[in-house]
Amino acid sequence: MISTGFTEVLLALVLVAIAVAVGRWRGLSVAKDMAFGSIRAVIQLVAVGYALQFIFDLESIWLIVLAMLIMLIVGAHAASGRVKSLKGSFAVAVAAMFVGSSLTLATMLVLDIITFEARYVIPLSGMIIGNAMNASALTIDRLTSDIRSNRLRLETSLALGKSWRCASGDYQRAAAHTGMISILNFLKTVGIVALPGAMTGMILAGADPLEAVLLQIIVAYMILAAVTVTSVVAVELTVRKFFTRHHQLKHGV
């Protein structure tokens, strides 16, 4: 088993130094971001480690729910930050991520794949919400950009009698696919191009490889469900911000 402690973390800073050195050598203006980001990551992760230990020890339902709520809000804020030009993007991201994440987690609990314990629910919720965050950001950004770039084409279709849903159908499907592209690529290459995080972590911790593989399969299916639902909900909520109930494009959106 690999020895992990603060000493090993300090030694691993050599890797950060290599990244910074290479970046500076190529003239990339990211050395400061890498340095501060690496330090910030240590502080955040250590703080989270102590917080999780506290929650695991208490096993409080309210603390578990609070932790998931914080992850959801922070994730939605990060996702909406990519589409600041769309009014209400935070609400769209929150709703889409909540539906995708809660439906996925509830299904796993109902099927008894996991039990409602902090050490299971919180880490898996983090994985679900993290992927839902990326999916909602990409979906909202793509749909917003496509509709604004093709406003004239959409207005023409509406003038010819098409409904707003029909006129924007291609853009809705393209946006949903964009939100799902990461997990779709993952499913195509998992185990061939790279060994994913959950599986690698278990193997490094000394678990049986087959057990690690089975867990990774569950995680992959979990993320697929969350990302798909989140992308579809994000599309539904975003596209409605651009059209009136009379099948007209809104002005100034």
C-alpha atoms as a PDB file:
ATOM      1  CA  MET A   1       0.000   0.000   0.000  1.00  0.00           C
ATOM      2  CA  ILE A   2       1.249   3.482  -0.856  1.00  0.00           C
ATOM      3  CA  SER A   3       2.224   5.572   2.161  1.00  0.00           C
ATOM      4  CA  THR A   4       0.346   8.871   2.247  1.00  0.00           C
ATOM      5  CA  GLY A   5       0.950  11.640   4.727  1.00  0.00           C
ATOM      6  CA  PHE A   6       1.899  15.300   4.918  1.00  0.00           C
ATOM      7  CA  THR A   7       5.508  14.390   4.125  1.00  0.00           C
ATOM      8  CA  GLU A   8       4.498  12.762   0.852  1.00  0.00           C
ATOM      9  CA  VAL A   9       2.295  15.774   0.036  1.00  0.00           C
ATOM     10  CA  LEU A  10       5.262  18.094   0.514  1.00  0.00           C
ATOM     11  CA  LEU A  11       7.423  15.873  -1.672  1.00  0.00           C
ATOM     12  CA  ALA A  12       4.725  15.920  -4.339  1.00  0.00           C
ATOM     13  CA  LEU A  13       5.206  19.684  -4.585  1.00  0.00           C
ATOM     14  CA  VAL A  14       8.137  18.786  -6.844  1.00  0.00           C
ATOM     15  CA  LEU A  15       5.502  17.946  -9.468  1.00  0.00           C
ATOM     16  CA  VAL A  16       4.001  21.428  -9.083  1.00  0.00           C
ATOM     17  CA  ALA A  17       7.467  22.924  -9.486  1.00  0.00           C
ATOM     18  CA  ILE A  18       7.926  20.959 -12.712  1.00  0.00           C
ATOM     19  CA  ALA A  19       4.600  22.233 -14.048  1.00  0.00           C
ATOM     20  CA  VAL A  20       5.456  25.834 -13.128  1.00  0.00           C
ATOM     21  CA  ALA A  21       8.919  25.545 -14.670  1.00  0.00           C
ATOM     22  CA  VAL A  22       7.584  24.132 -17.926  1.00  0.00           C
ATOM     23  CA  GLY A  23       4.896  26.807 -18.052  1.00  0.00           C
ATOM     24  CA  ARG A  24       7.408  29.609 -17.545  1.00  0.00           C
ATOM     25  CA  TRP A  25       9.757  28.066 -20.111  1.00  0.00           C
ATOM     26  CA  ARG A  26       7.001  28.176 -22.719  1.00  0.00           C
ATOM     27  CA  GLY A  27       6.016  31.708 -21.735  1.00  0.00           C
ATOM     28  CA  LEU A  28       2.604  30.729 -20.358  1.00  0.00           C
ATOM     29  CA  SER A  29       1.161  33.290 -17.951  1.00  0.00           C
ATOM     30  CA  VAL A  30      -0.224  30.664 -15.609  1.00  0.00           C
ATOM     31  CA  ALA A  31       2.670  30.152 -13.188  1.00  0.00           C
ATOM     32  CA  LYS A  32       1.053  32.289 -10.492  1.00  0.00           C
ATOM     33  CA  ASP A  33      -2.296  30.544 -10.962  1.00  0.00           C
ATOM     34  CA  MET A  34      -0.663  27.130 -10.680  1.00  0.00           C
ATOM     35  CA  ALA A  35       1.292  28.078  -7.564  1.00  0.00           C
ATOM     36  CA  PHE A  36      -1.591  29.708  -5.718  1.00  0.00           C
ATOM     37  CA  GLY A  37      -4.024  27.080  -6.991  1.00  0.00           C
ATOM     38  CA  SER A  38      -1.871  24.279  -5.611  1.00  0.00           C
ATOM     39  CA  ILE A  39      -1.672  25.916  -2.177  1.00  0.00           C
ATOM     40  CA  ARG A  40      -5.387  26.686  -2.187  1.00  0.00           C
ATOM     41  CA  ALA A  41      -6.166  23.090  -3.125  1.00  0.00           C
ATOM     42  CA  VAL A  42      -4.223  21.823  -0.101  1.00  0.00           C
ATOM     43  CA  ILE A  43      -6.032  24.188   2.268  1.00  0.00           C
ATOM     44  CA  GLN A  44      -9.459  23.404   0.845  1.00  0.00           C
ATOM     45  CA  LEU A  45      -8.973  19.654   0.751  1.00  0.00           C
ATOM     46  CA  VAL A  46      -7.509  19.425   4.260  1.00  0.00           C
ATOM     47  CA  ALA A  47     -10.386  21.550   5.581  1.00  0.00           C
ATOM     48  CA  VAL A  48     -12.872  19.314   3.775  1.00  0.00           C
ATOM     49  CA  GLY A  49     -11.127  16.243   5.171  1.00  0.00           C
ATOM     50  CA  TYR A  50     -11.623  17.431   8.755  1.00  0.00           C
ATOM     51  CA  ALA A  51     -15.203  18.496   8.015  1.00  0.00           C
ATOM     52  CA  LEU A  52     -16.036  15.109   6.523  1.00  0.00           C
ATOM     53  CA  GLN A  53     -14.508  13.303   9.475  1.00  0.00           C
ATOM     54  CA  PHE A  54     -16.699  15.411  11.768  1.00  0.00           C
ATOM     55  CA  ILE A  55     -19.832  14.582   9.745  1.00  0.00           C
ATOM     56  CA  PHE A  56     -18.926  10.883   9.518  1.00  0.00           C
ATOM     57  CA  ASP A  57     -18.541  10.692  13.282  1.00  0.00           C
ATOM     58  CA  LEU A  58     -21.882  12.364  14.009  1.00  0.00           C
ATOM     59  CA  GLU A  59     -23.775  10.653  11.171  1.00  0.00           C
ATOM     60  CA  SER A  60     -26.369  13.455  11.255  1.00  0.00           C
ATOM     61  CA  ILE A  61     -28.968  13.503   8.480  1.00  0.00           C
ATOM     62  CA  TRP A  62     -29.160  17.290   8.678  1.00  0.00           C
ATOM     63  CA  LEU A  63     -25.405  17.692   8.297  1.00  0.00           C
ATOM     64  CA  ILE A  64     -25.414  15.328   5.318  1.00  0.00           C
ATOM     65  CA  VAL A  65     -28.204  17.304   3.650  1.00  0.00           C
ATOM     66  CA  LEU A  66     -26.453  20.593   4.472  1.00  0.00           C
ATOM     67  CA  ALA A  67     -23.205  19.366   2.909  1.00  0.00           C
ATOM     68  CA  MET A  68     -25.022  18.345  -0.280  1.00  0.00           C
ATOM     69  CA  LEU A  69     -26.885  21.664  -0.385  1.00  0.00           C
ATOM     70  CA  ILE A  70     -23.625  23.612  -0.108  1.00  0.00           C
ATOM     71  CA  MET A  71     -22.098  21.554  -2.924  1.00  0.00           C
ATOM     72  CA  LEU A  72     -25.178  22.186  -5.068  1.00  0.00           C
ATOM     73  CA  ILE A  73     -25.217  25.956  -4.530  1.00  0.00           C
ATOM     74  CA  VAL A  74     -21.476  26.383  -5.053  1.00  0.00           C
ATOM     75  CA  GLY A  75     -21.607  24.193  -8.165  1.00  0.00           C
ATOM     76  CA  ALA A  76     -24.564  26.104  -9.611  1.00  0.00           C
ATOM     77  CA  HIS A  77     -22.793  29.404  -8.970  1.00  0.00           C
ATOM     78  CA  ALA A  78     -19.725  28.160 -10.835  1.00  0.00           C
ATOM     79  CA  ALA A  79     -21.850  26.851 -13.709  1.00  0.00           C
ATOM     80  CA  SER A  80     -23.838  30.075 -14.082  1.00  0.00           C
ATOM     81  CA  GLY A  81     -20.600  32.053 -14.048  1.00  0.00           C
ATOM     82  CA  ARG A  82     -19.903  30.827 -17.576  1.00  0.00           C
ATOM     83  CA  VAL A  83     -23.117  32.383 -18.931  1.00  0.00           C
ATOM     84  CA  LYS A  84     -23.360  35.678 -17.076  1.00  0.00           C
ATOM     85  CA  SER A  85     -25.103  37.255 -20.047  1.00  0.00           C
ATOM     86  CA  LEU A  86     -28.191  35.075 -19.535  1.00  0.00           C
ATOM     87  CA  LYS A  87     -30.448  36.480 -16.859  1.00  0.00           C
ATOM     88  CA  GLY A  88     -31.470  33.832 -14.348  1.00  0.00           C
ATOM     89  CA  SER A  89     -28.763  31.357 -15.336  1.00  0.00           C
ATOM     90  CA  PHE A  90     -28.098  30.581 -11.660  1.00  0.00           C
ATOM     91  CA  ALA A  91     -31.706  29.517 -11.092  1.00  0.00           C
ATOM     92  CA  VAL A  92     -31.588  27.363 -14.224  1.00  0.00           C
ATOM     93  CA  ALA A  93     -28.354  25.702 -13.106  1.00  0.00           C
ATOM     94  CA  VAL A  94     -29.647  25.078  -9.578  1.00  0.00           C
ATOM     95  CA  ALA A  95     -32.887  23.536 -10.820  1.00  0.00           C
ATOM     96  CA  ALA A  96     -31.247  21.363 -13.486  1.00  0.00           C
ATOM     97  CA  MET A  97     -28.502  20.154 -11.160  1.00  0.00           C
ATOM     98  CA  PHE A  98     -30.969  19.494  -8.338  1.00  0.00           C
ATOM     99  CA  VAL A  99     -33.269  17.400 -10.519  1.00  0.00           C
ATOM    100  CA  GLY A 100     -30.430  15.419 -12.092  1.00  0.00           C
ATOM    101  CA  SER A 101     -28.571  14.866  -8.828  1.00  0.00           C
ATOM    102  CA  SER A 102     -31.526  14.129  -6.554  1.00  0.00           C
ATOM    103  CA  LEU A 103     -33.156  11.740  -9.037  1.00  0.00           C
ATOM    104  CA  THR A 104     -29.912   9.808  -9.477  1.00  0.00           C
ATOM    105  CA  LEU A 105     -29.150   9.625  -5.769  1.00  0.00           C
ATOM    106  CA  ALA A 106     -32.737   8.714  -4.857  1.00  0.00           C
ATOM    107  CA  THR A 107     -32.735   5.894  -7.412  1.00  0.00           C
ATOM    108  CA  MET A 108     -29.531   4.451  -5.959  1.00  0.00           C
ATOM    109  CA  LEU A 109     -30.994   4.603  -2.454  1.00  0.00           C
ATOM    110  CA  VAL A 110     -34.320   3.024  -3.493  1.00  0.00           C
ATOM    111  CA  LEU A 111     -32.516   0.204  -5.323  1.00  0.00           C
ATOM    112  CA  ASP A 112     -30.357  -0.285  -2.209  1.00  0.00           C
ATOM    113  CA  ILE A 113     -27.181   0.186  -4.217  1.00  0.00           C
ATOM    114  CA  ILE A 114     -26.019   2.458  -1.393  1.00  0.00           C
ATOM    115  CA  THR A 115     -27.292   3.193   2.094  1.00  0.00           C
ATOM    116  CA  PHE A 116     -27.942   6.654   3.507  1.00  0.00           C
ATOM    117  CA  GLU A 117     -24.668   6.965   5.371  1.00  0.00           C
ATOM    118  CA  ALA A 118     -22.395   9.990   5.249  1.00  0.00           C
ATOM    119  CA  ARG A 119     -19.345   8.067   3.972  1.00  0.00           C
ATOM    120  CA  TYR A 120     -21.333   6.891   0.956  1.00  0.00           C
ATOM    121  CA  VAL A 121     -23.796   9.693   0.250  1.00  0.00           C
ATOM    122  CA  ILE A 122     -21.465  12.698   0.494  1.00  0.00           C
ATOM    123  CA  PRO A 123     -18.595  11.470  -1.739  1.00  0.00           C
ATOM    124  CA  LEU A 124     -20.990  10.121  -4.359  1.00  0.00           C
ATOM    125  CA  SER A 125     -23.062  13.303  -4.202  1.00  0.00           C
ATOM    126  CA  GLY A 126     -19.874  15.258  -4.826  1.00  0.00           C
ATOM    127  CA  MET A 127     -19.168  13.208  -7.947  1.00  0.00           C
ATOM    128  CA  ILE A 128     -22.761  13.530  -9.154  1.00  0.00           C
ATOM    129  CA  ILE A 129     -23.020  17.273  -8.527  1.00  0.00           C
ATOM    130  CA  GLY A 130     -19.575  17.950  -9.997  1.00  0.00           C
ATOM    131  CA  ASN A 131     -20.484  16.278 -13.269  1.00  0.00           C
ATOM    132  CA  ALA A 132     -23.953  17.840 -13.263  1.00  0.00           C
ATOM    133  CA  MET A 133     -22.285  21.229 -12.813  1.00  0.00           C
ATOM    134  CA  ASN A 134     -20.170  20.763 -15.938  1.00  0.00           C
ATOM    135  CA  ALA A 135     -23.132  19.453 -17.901  1.00  0.00           C
ATOM    136  CA  SER A 136     -25.385  22.383 -16.992  1.00  0.00           C
ATOM    137  CA  ALA A 137     -22.674  24.956 -17.745  1.00  0.00           C
ATOM    138  CA  LEU A 138     -21.914  23.495 -21.172  1.00  0.00           C
ATOM    139  CA  THR A 139     -25.587  23.013 -22.041  1.00  0.00           C
ATOM    140  CA  ILE A 140     -26.728  26.506 -21.059  1.00  0.00           C
ATOM    141  CA  ASP A 141     -23.742  28.140 -22.734  1.00  0.00           C
ATOM    142  CA  ARG A 142     -24.184  26.208 -25.996  1.00  0.00           C
ATOM    143  CA  LEU A 143     -27.934  26.788 -26.258  1.00  0.00           C
ATOM    144  CA  THR A 144     -27.652  30.477 -25.384  1.00  0.00           C
ATOM    145  CA  SER A 145     -24.901  30.994 -27.949  1.00  0.00           C
ATOM    146  CA  ASP A 146     -26.701  29.059 -30.712  1.00  0.00           C
ATOM    147  CA  ILE A 147     -30.015  30.864 -30.282  1.00  0.00           C
ATOM    148  CA  ARG A 148     -28.408  34.298 -30.258  1.00  0.00           C
ATOM    149  CA  SER A 149     -26.219  33.476 -33.258  1.00  0.00           C
ATOM    150  CA  ASN A 150     -29.173  32.174 -35.279  1.00  0.00           C
ATOM    151  CA  ARG A 151     -31.799  34.707 -34.254  1.00  0.00           C
ATOM    152  CA  LEU A 152     -32.701  35.635 -37.844  1.00  0.00           C
ATOM    153  CA  ARG A 153     -33.097  32.012 -38.850  1.00  0.00           C
ATOM    154  CA  LEU A 154     -35.319  31.345 -35.861  1.00  0.00           C
ATOM    155  CA  GLU A 155     -37.478  34.396 -36.541  1.00  0.00           C
ATOM    156  CA  THR A 156     -37.912  33.229 -40.128  1.00  0.00           C
ATOM    157  CA  SER A 157     -39.006  29.772 -38.996  1.00  0.00           C
ATOM    158  CA  LEU A 158     -41.468  31.257 -36.531  1.00  0.00           C
ATOM    159  CA  ALA A 159     -42.842  33.600 -39.193  1.00  0.00           C
ATOM    160  CA  LEU A 160     -43.481  30.570 -41.409  1.00  0.00           C
ATOM    161  CA  GLY A 161     -45.690  29.078 -38.722  1.00  0.00           C
ATOM    162  CA  LYS A 162     -43.353  26.780 -36.832  1.00  0.00           C
ATOM    163  CA  SER A 163     -43.685  26.495 -33.063  1.00  0.00           C
ATOM    164  CA  TRP A 164     -40.784  27.718 -30.931  1.00  0.00           C
ATOM    165  CA  ARG A 165     -40.026  24.143 -29.930  1.00  0.00           C
ATOM    166  CA  CYS A 166     -39.849  22.973 -33.519  1.00  0.00           C
ATOM    167  CA  ALA A 167     -37.851  25.996 -34.679  1.00  0.00           C
ATOM    168  CA  SER A 168     -35.235  25.564 -31.954  1.00  0.00           C
ATOM    169  CA  GLY A 169     -35.246  21.758 -31.921  1.00  0.00           C
ATOM    170  CA  ASP A 170     -31.846  21.307 -33.563  1.00  0.00           C
ATOM    171  CA  TYR A 171     -30.227  23.756 -31.156  1.00  0.00           C
ATOM    172  CA  GLN A 172     -31.825  22.078 -28.150  1.00  0.00           C
ATOM    173  CA  ARG A 173     -30.536  18.659 -29.174  1.00  0.00           C
ATOM    174  CA  ALA A 174     -27.065  20.023 -29.933  1.00  0.00           C
ATOM    175  CA  ALA A 175     -26.911  21.720 -26.523  1.00  0.00           C
ATOM    176  CA  ALA A 176     -28.000  18.581 -24.663  1.00  0.00           C
ATOM    177  CA  HIS A 177     -25.407  16.536 -26.551  1.00  0.00           C
ATOM    178  CA  THR A 178     -22.730  19.083 -25.657  1.00  0.00           C
ATOM    179  CA  GLY A 179     -23.569  18.690 -21.984  1.00  0.00           C
ATOM    180  CA  MET A 180     -23.297  14.909 -22.286  1.00  0.00           C
ATOM    181  CA  ILE A 181     -20.175  14.744 -24.469  1.00  0.00           C
ATOM    182  CA  SER A 182     -17.786  14.237 -21.570  1.00  0.00           C
ATOM    183  CA  ILE A 183     -19.546  11.186 -20.101  1.00  0.00           C
ATOM    184  CA  LEU A 184     -20.149   9.733 -23.574  1.00  0.00           C
ATOM    185  CA  ASN A 185     -16.437   9.953 -24.368  1.00  0.00           C
ATOM    186  CA  PHE A 186     -15.671   8.479 -20.946  1.00  0.00           C
ATOM    187  CA  LEU A 187     -17.889   5.447 -21.591  1.00  0.00           C
ATOM    188  CA  LYS A 188     -16.164   4.854 -24.935  1.00  0.00           C
ATOM    189  CA  THR A 189     -12.626   4.941 -23.560  1.00  0.00           C
ATOM    190  CA  VAL A 190     -12.889   3.866 -19.912  1.00  0.00           C
ATOM    191  CA  GLY A 191     -10.444   1.107 -19.077  1.00  0.00           C
ATOM    192  CA  ILE A 192      -8.653   1.519 -22.415  1.00  0.00           C
ATOM    193  CA  VAL A 193      -7.283   5.036 -22.459  1.00  0.00           C
ATOM    194  CA  ALA A 194      -7.260   5.597 -18.702  1.00  0.00           C
ATOM    195  CA  LEU A 195      -8.229   4.023 -15.410  1.00  0.00           C
ATOM    196  CA  PRO A 196     -10.814   6.323 -13.766  1.00  0.00           C
ATOM    197  CA  GLY A 197     -10.469   7.893 -10.337  1.00  0.00           C
ATOM    198  CA  ALA A 198     -12.744   5.723  -8.197  1.00  0.00           C
ATOM    199  CA  MET A 199     -11.214   2.527  -9.552  1.00  0.00           C
ATOM    200  CA  THR A 200      -7.647   3.812  -9.260  1.00  0.00           C
ATOM    201  CA  GLY A 201      -8.247   5.007  -5.699  1.00  0.00           C
ATOM    202  CA  MET A 202      -9.558   1.628  -4.585  1.00  0.00           C
ATOM    203  CA  ILE A 203      -6.687  -0.244  -6.222  1.00  0.00           C
ATOM    204  CA  LEU A 204      -4.114   2.054  -4.617  1.00  0.00           C
ATOM    205  CA  ALA A 205      -5.864   1.503  -1.279  1.00  0.00           C
ATOM    206  CA  GLY A 206      -5.363  -2.254  -1.681  1.00  0.00           C
ATOM    207  CA  ALA A 207      -8.820  -3.335  -2.879  1.00  0.00           C
ATOM    208  CA  ASP A 208      -9.321  -6.259  -5.226  1.00  0.00           C
ATOM    209  CA  PRO A 209      -9.175  -5.036  -8.872  1.00  0.00           C
ATOM    210  CA  LEU A 210     -12.469  -6.728  -9.790  1.00  0.00           C
ATOM    211  CA  GLU A 211     -14.211  -5.080  -6.847  1.00  0.00           C
ATOM    212  CA  ALA A 212     -12.801  -1.740  -7.950  1.00  0.00           C
ATOM    213  CA  VAL A 213     -14.023  -2.349 -11.500  1.00  0.00           C
ATOM    214  CA  LEU A 214     -17.568  -3.152 -10.361  1.00  0.00           C
ATOM    215  CA  LEU A 215     -17.707   0.009  -8.266  1.00  0.00           C
ATOM    216  CA  GLN A 216     -16.439   2.069 -11.200  1.00  0.00           C
ATOM    217  CA  ILE A 217     -19.167   0.659 -13.437  1.00  0.00           C
ATOM    218  CA  ILE A 218     -21.800   1.774 -10.930  1.00  0.00           C
ATOM    219  CA  VAL A 219     -20.189   5.215 -10.722  1.00  0.00           C
ATOM    220  CA  ALA A 220     -20.151   5.509 -14.528  1.00  0.00           C
ATOM    221  CA  TYR A 221     -23.851   4.637 -14.781  1.00  0.00           C
ATOM    222  CA  MET A 222     -24.582   7.039 -11.936  1.00  0.00           C
ATOM    223  CA  ILE A 223     -22.848   9.917 -13.704  1.00  0.00           C
ATOM    224  CA  LEU A 224     -24.509   9.044 -17.025  1.00  0.00           C
ATOM    225  CA  ALA A 225     -27.967   9.319 -15.463  1.00  0.00           C
ATOM    226  CA  ALA A 226     -27.192  12.552 -13.616  1.00  0.00           C
ATOM    227  CA  VAL A 227     -25.597  14.252 -16.616  1.00  0.00           C
ATOM    228  CA  THR A 228     -28.364  13.232 -19.031  1.00  0.00           C
ATOM    229  CA  VAL A 229     -31.188  14.431 -16.787  1.00  0.00           C
ATOM    230  CA  THR A 230     -29.328  17.638 -15.917  1.00  0.00           C
ATOM    231  CA  SER A 231     -28.630  18.446 -19.576  1.00  0.00           C
ATOM    232  CA  VAL A 232     -32.243  17.858 -20.632  1.00  0.00           C
ATOM    233  CA  VAL A 233     -33.668  19.924 -17.777  1.00  0.00           C
ATOM    234  CA  ALA A 234     -31.162  22.711 -18.454  1.00  0.00           C
ATOM    235  CA  VAL A 235     -32.248  22.781 -22.096  1.00  0.00           C
ATOM    236  CA  GLU A 236     -35.936  22.927 -21.170  1.00  0.00           C
ATOM    237  CA  LEU A 237     -35.455  25.772 -18.711  1.00  0.00           C
ATOM    238  CA  THR A 238     -33.023  27.757 -20.848  1.00  0.00           C
ATOM    239  CA  VAL A 239     -34.911  27.650 -24.136  1.00  0.00           C
ATOM    240  CA  ARG A 240     -38.072  28.985 -22.478  1.00  0.00           C
ATOM    241  CA  LYS A 241     -36.231  32.167 -21.569  1.00  0.00           C
ATOM    242  CA  PHE A 242     -35.952  33.064 -25.248  1.00  0.00           C
ATOM    243  CA  PHE A 243     -39.522  32.533 -26.439  1.00  0.00           C
ATOM    244  CA  THR A 244     -42.973  33.837 -25.507  1.00  0.00           C
ATOM    245  CA  ARG A 245     -46.070  31.642 -25.222  1.00  0.00           C
ATOM    246  CA  HIS A 246     -47.132  33.175 -28.546  1.00  0.00           C
ATOM    247  CA  HIS A 247     -44.145  31.552 -30.281  1.00  0.00           C
ATOM    248  CA  GLN A 248     -42.114  34.719 -30.644  1.00  0.00           C
ATOM    249  CA  LEU A 249     -38.510  35.471 -29.781  1.00  0.00           C
ATOM    250  CA  LYS A 250     -38.184  37.745 -26.799  1.00  0.00           C
ATOM    251  CA  HIS A 251     -36.354  40.995 -27.326  1.00  0.00           C
ATOM    252  CA  GLY A 252     -33.334  41.888 -25.247  1.00  0.00           C
ATOM    253  CA  VAL A 253     -32.670  38.331 -24.045  1.00  0.00           C
END
